[in-house]
Amino acid sequence: MINAHYEALDWLVFGAYALLIALTAWWFNRKTANTSAEYFLGGNAMPT
């Protein structure tokens, strides 16, 4: 069995990574669809 002993720097790196993932998810989800039709039709927009 592995005996894991985490130092403060380990927790800081883990927290920074989790924050980076959360901010990335927020950045790509900041424009939300207003209705379900807009969601399923993609806002009638084609990717360019």
N, C-alpha and C. Protein backbone atom coordinates (compact mmCIF):
# COMPACT_ATOMS: atom_id res chain seq x y z
N MET A 1 0.85 -1.17 0.00
CA MET A 1 0.00 0.00 0.00
C MET A 1 0.90 1.24 0.00
N ILE A 2 0.45 2.25 -0.72
CA ILE A 2 1.20 3.50 -0.80
C ILE A 2 0.80 4.40 0.36
N ASN A 3 1.79 4.93 1.05
CA ASN A 3 1.53 5.84 2.16
C ASN A 3 1.70 7.26 1.65
N ALA A 4 0.59 7.93 1.40
CA ALA A 4 0.61 9.28 0.84
C ALA A 4 0.66 10.31 1.96
N HIS A 5 1.66 11.17 1.90
CA HIS A 5 1.80 12.26 2.87
C HIS A 5 1.94 13.55 2.08
N TYR A 6 0.90 14.39 2.11
CA TYR A 6 0.88 15.59 1.30
C TYR A 6 1.33 16.80 2.10
N GLU A 7 2.18 17.59 1.48
CA GLU A 7 2.66 18.83 2.09
C GLU A 7 1.78 19.98 1.61
N ALA A 8 2.00 21.16 2.16
CA ALA A 8 1.21 22.33 1.78
C ALA A 8 1.36 22.66 0.30
N LEU A 9 2.55 22.51 -0.24
CA LEU A 9 2.77 22.79 -1.66
C LEU A 9 1.96 21.85 -2.54
N ASP A 10 1.85 20.59 -2.15
CA ASP A 10 1.05 19.63 -2.90
C ASP A 10 -0.42 20.07 -2.96
N TRP A 11 -0.95 20.49 -1.81
CA TRP A 11 -2.34 20.95 -1.76
C TRP A 11 -2.53 22.22 -2.56
N LEU A 12 -1.52 23.10 -2.55
CA LEU A 12 -1.59 24.34 -3.32
C LEU A 12 -1.64 24.04 -4.82
N VAL A 13 -0.82 23.12 -5.27
CA VAL A 13 -0.82 22.74 -6.69
C VAL A 13 -2.15 22.10 -7.06
N PHE A 14 -2.65 21.21 -6.21
CA PHE A 14 -3.94 20.57 -6.47
C PHE A 14 -5.07 21.60 -6.53
N GLY A 15 -5.08 22.55 -5.59
CA GLY A 15 -6.11 23.59 -5.58
C GLY A 15 -6.02 24.49 -6.80
N ALA A 16 -4.79 24.85 -7.21
CA ALA A 16 -4.62 25.69 -8.40
C ALA A 16 -5.11 24.96 -9.64
N TYR A 17 -4.84 23.67 -9.74
CA TYR A 17 -5.30 22.88 -10.87
C TYR A 17 -6.83 22.80 -10.90
N ALA A 18 -7.43 22.56 -9.75
CA ALA A 18 -8.90 22.49 -9.67
C ALA A 18 -9.52 23.83 -10.05
N LEU A 19 -8.91 24.93 -9.60
CA LEU A 19 -9.39 26.26 -9.96
C LEU A 19 -9.26 26.51 -11.45
N LEU A 20 -8.16 26.07 -12.04
CA LEU A 20 -7.97 26.22 -13.48
C LEU A 20 -9.04 25.46 -14.26
N ILE A 21 -9.35 24.25 -13.83
CA ILE A 21 -10.39 23.45 -14.50
C ILE A 21 -11.75 24.13 -14.36
N ALA A 22 -12.06 24.64 -13.17
CA ALA A 22 -13.35 25.31 -12.94
C ALA A 22 -13.46 26.57 -13.78
N LEU A 23 -12.39 27.37 -13.84
CA LEU A 23 -12.43 28.60 -14.65
C LEU A 23 -12.53 28.29 -16.13
N THR A 24 -11.89 27.23 -16.58
CA THR A 24 -12.00 26.84 -17.99
C THR A 24 -13.43 26.42 -18.32
N ALA A 25 -14.06 25.65 -17.44
CA ALA A 25 -15.45 25.24 -17.65
C ALA A 25 -16.37 26.46 -17.67
N TRP A 26 -16.14 27.40 -16.76
CA TRP A 26 -16.96 28.62 -16.73
C TRP A 26 -16.77 29.41 -18.02
N TRP A 27 -15.53 29.53 -18.50
CA TRP A 27 -15.23 30.32 -19.70
C TRP A 27 -15.98 29.76 -20.91
N PHE A 28 -16.00 28.44 -21.07
CA PHE A 28 -16.65 27.85 -22.24
C PHE A 28 -18.16 27.75 -22.08
N ASN A 29 -18.69 27.91 -20.86
CA ASN A 29 -20.13 27.83 -20.64
C ASN A 29 -20.76 29.19 -20.36
N ARG A 30 -20.04 30.26 -20.51
CA ARG A 30 -20.59 31.56 -20.11
C ARG A 30 -21.72 32.03 -21.02
N LYS A 31 -21.75 31.60 -22.28
CA LYS A 31 -22.88 31.93 -23.15
C LYS A 31 -23.84 30.75 -23.13
N THR A 32 -24.94 30.93 -22.46
CA THR A 32 -25.91 29.84 -22.35
C THR A 32 -27.10 30.10 -23.26
N ALA A 33 -27.77 29.04 -23.60
CA ALA A 33 -28.97 29.14 -24.41
C ALA A 33 -30.13 29.62 -23.54
N ASN A 34 -30.96 30.48 -24.10
CA ASN A 34 -32.09 31.03 -23.36
C ASN A 34 -33.29 30.08 -23.33
N THR A 35 -33.46 29.30 -24.38
CA THR A 35 -34.59 28.37 -24.45
C THR A 35 -34.07 26.99 -24.85
N SER A 36 -34.91 25.98 -24.66
CA SER A 36 -34.49 24.64 -25.06
C SER A 36 -34.37 24.53 -26.58
N ALA A 37 -35.21 25.24 -27.32
CA ALA A 37 -35.10 25.22 -28.78
C ALA A 37 -33.76 25.81 -29.23
N GLU A 38 -33.38 26.90 -28.60
CA GLU A 38 -32.09 27.52 -28.94
C GLU A 38 -30.93 26.58 -28.59
N TYR A 39 -31.08 25.86 -27.49
CA TYR A 39 -30.05 24.90 -27.09
C TYR A 39 -29.90 23.80 -28.13
N PHE A 40 -31.01 23.17 -28.52
CA PHE A 40 -30.95 22.04 -29.42
C PHE A 40 -30.64 22.46 -30.86
N LEU A 41 -30.96 23.67 -31.25
CA LEU A 41 -30.65 24.16 -32.58
C LEU A 41 -29.31 24.87 -32.63
N GLY A 42 -28.66 25.01 -31.52
CA GLY A 42 -27.36 25.67 -31.50
C GLY A 42 -27.45 27.15 -31.82
N GLY A 43 -28.58 27.75 -31.53
CA GLY A 43 -28.74 29.18 -31.82
C GLY A 43 -28.76 29.46 -33.32
N ASN A 44 -29.09 28.45 -34.13
CA ASN A 44 -29.10 28.57 -35.58
C ASN A 44 -27.78 29.08 -36.13
N ALA A 45 -26.69 28.67 -35.53
CA ALA A 45 -25.37 29.11 -35.95
C ALA A 45 -24.54 27.92 -36.41
N MET A 46 -23.80 28.12 -37.47
CA MET A 46 -22.88 27.10 -37.98
C MET A 46 -21.47 27.44 -37.49
N PRO A 47 -20.72 26.43 -37.05
CA PRO A 47 -19.35 26.72 -36.64
C PRO A 47 -18.51 27.16 -37.84
N THR A 48 -17.65 28.10 -37.61
CA THR A 48 -16.80 28.59 -38.72
C THR A 48 -15.36 28.32 -38.45
